[in-house]
Amino acid sequence: METIDEIISQLDNIIDDCYRLNSRAGFFPALYRKVTIRVRDGIRAGEFEDGKRMERLDVIFAKRYIDAYDAQRNGRQPTRSWQHSFEMAQHPHPIILQHLLLGMNAHINLDLAIAAAQSAPWLDIENLQTDFHHINNILAELTDQVQAEISAVSPAMRLLDTLGLSFDEIICGFAMQFARNRAWDKAITLAHTPSIAHPPLIELFDKKVARYAERICPLEENVVLKRVRSAENNNIQQVIDWLL
């Protein structure tokens, strides 16, 4: 895979697979497909400083998710971060938003940092910063659209206000803050580290990101989230269709 269009095709295959399996693992790629198409369109519109570099980054970035999905489907071990996401897709108690956040956690807080370092190693990483953060602006643009879509299949989302957080705060605060602060810091560290030392460093990052996942979706059910889930659409295929 060398182009974003090839990535979109692979995401379509994963979504189709999850649809056939009636798997909640299809929620994240349905959302991620939107982001990928928006990045592709942004590249074509000249929004990025270096479109070719951004496409290379996006392909490396997306391939990490695709490889993780393929690994778990074929009995291999993905990263801890993705493993937690895939395991929770088998449980009925997480709400739709939690499934999406688990995917965002693994992909933004781990995969994006690795992809950035691989696409712009050493001193080149500094030249990537503007385009890297433009991705955050794209995610912010999609927030209102995603809010409307999730509210349609999860009408009790307003109950999250009782936790002191609105939907916008959850999505923007999680995705933007982590993408800017944590993923970029990890990318800088990896880019300035000899490649031979990358595996243990990535393993350390993965352990930390997996701990975030456990906080996003603990095994014990929250009472408020349980009420939210009780009002959600339980038809997995319909939710995937709506998110698409």
Foldseek 3Di string as FASTA:
>chain_A
DQFLVVLLVLLVVVLVVCLVVLWLLNLQSLQVSVLSVVLVVCLVVVVDPDSNLSRQLVVQLSVLVSVCVVQVVVVHHRFLLVVLLRVCRPPLQFASVLSNVSVLLCRQLASSLVSLLVSQADPRSVVCLVVLLVSLVSQLVCQVVVVVLSCVQQVLQCLCVVVVDHSSCVRSVRNNVSNNPRSSVSNNVSRNDPPVPPPVSSNVSSVVSSVVSCVSPPPDHDPSSNVRSVRGHPRSSVSSVSSD
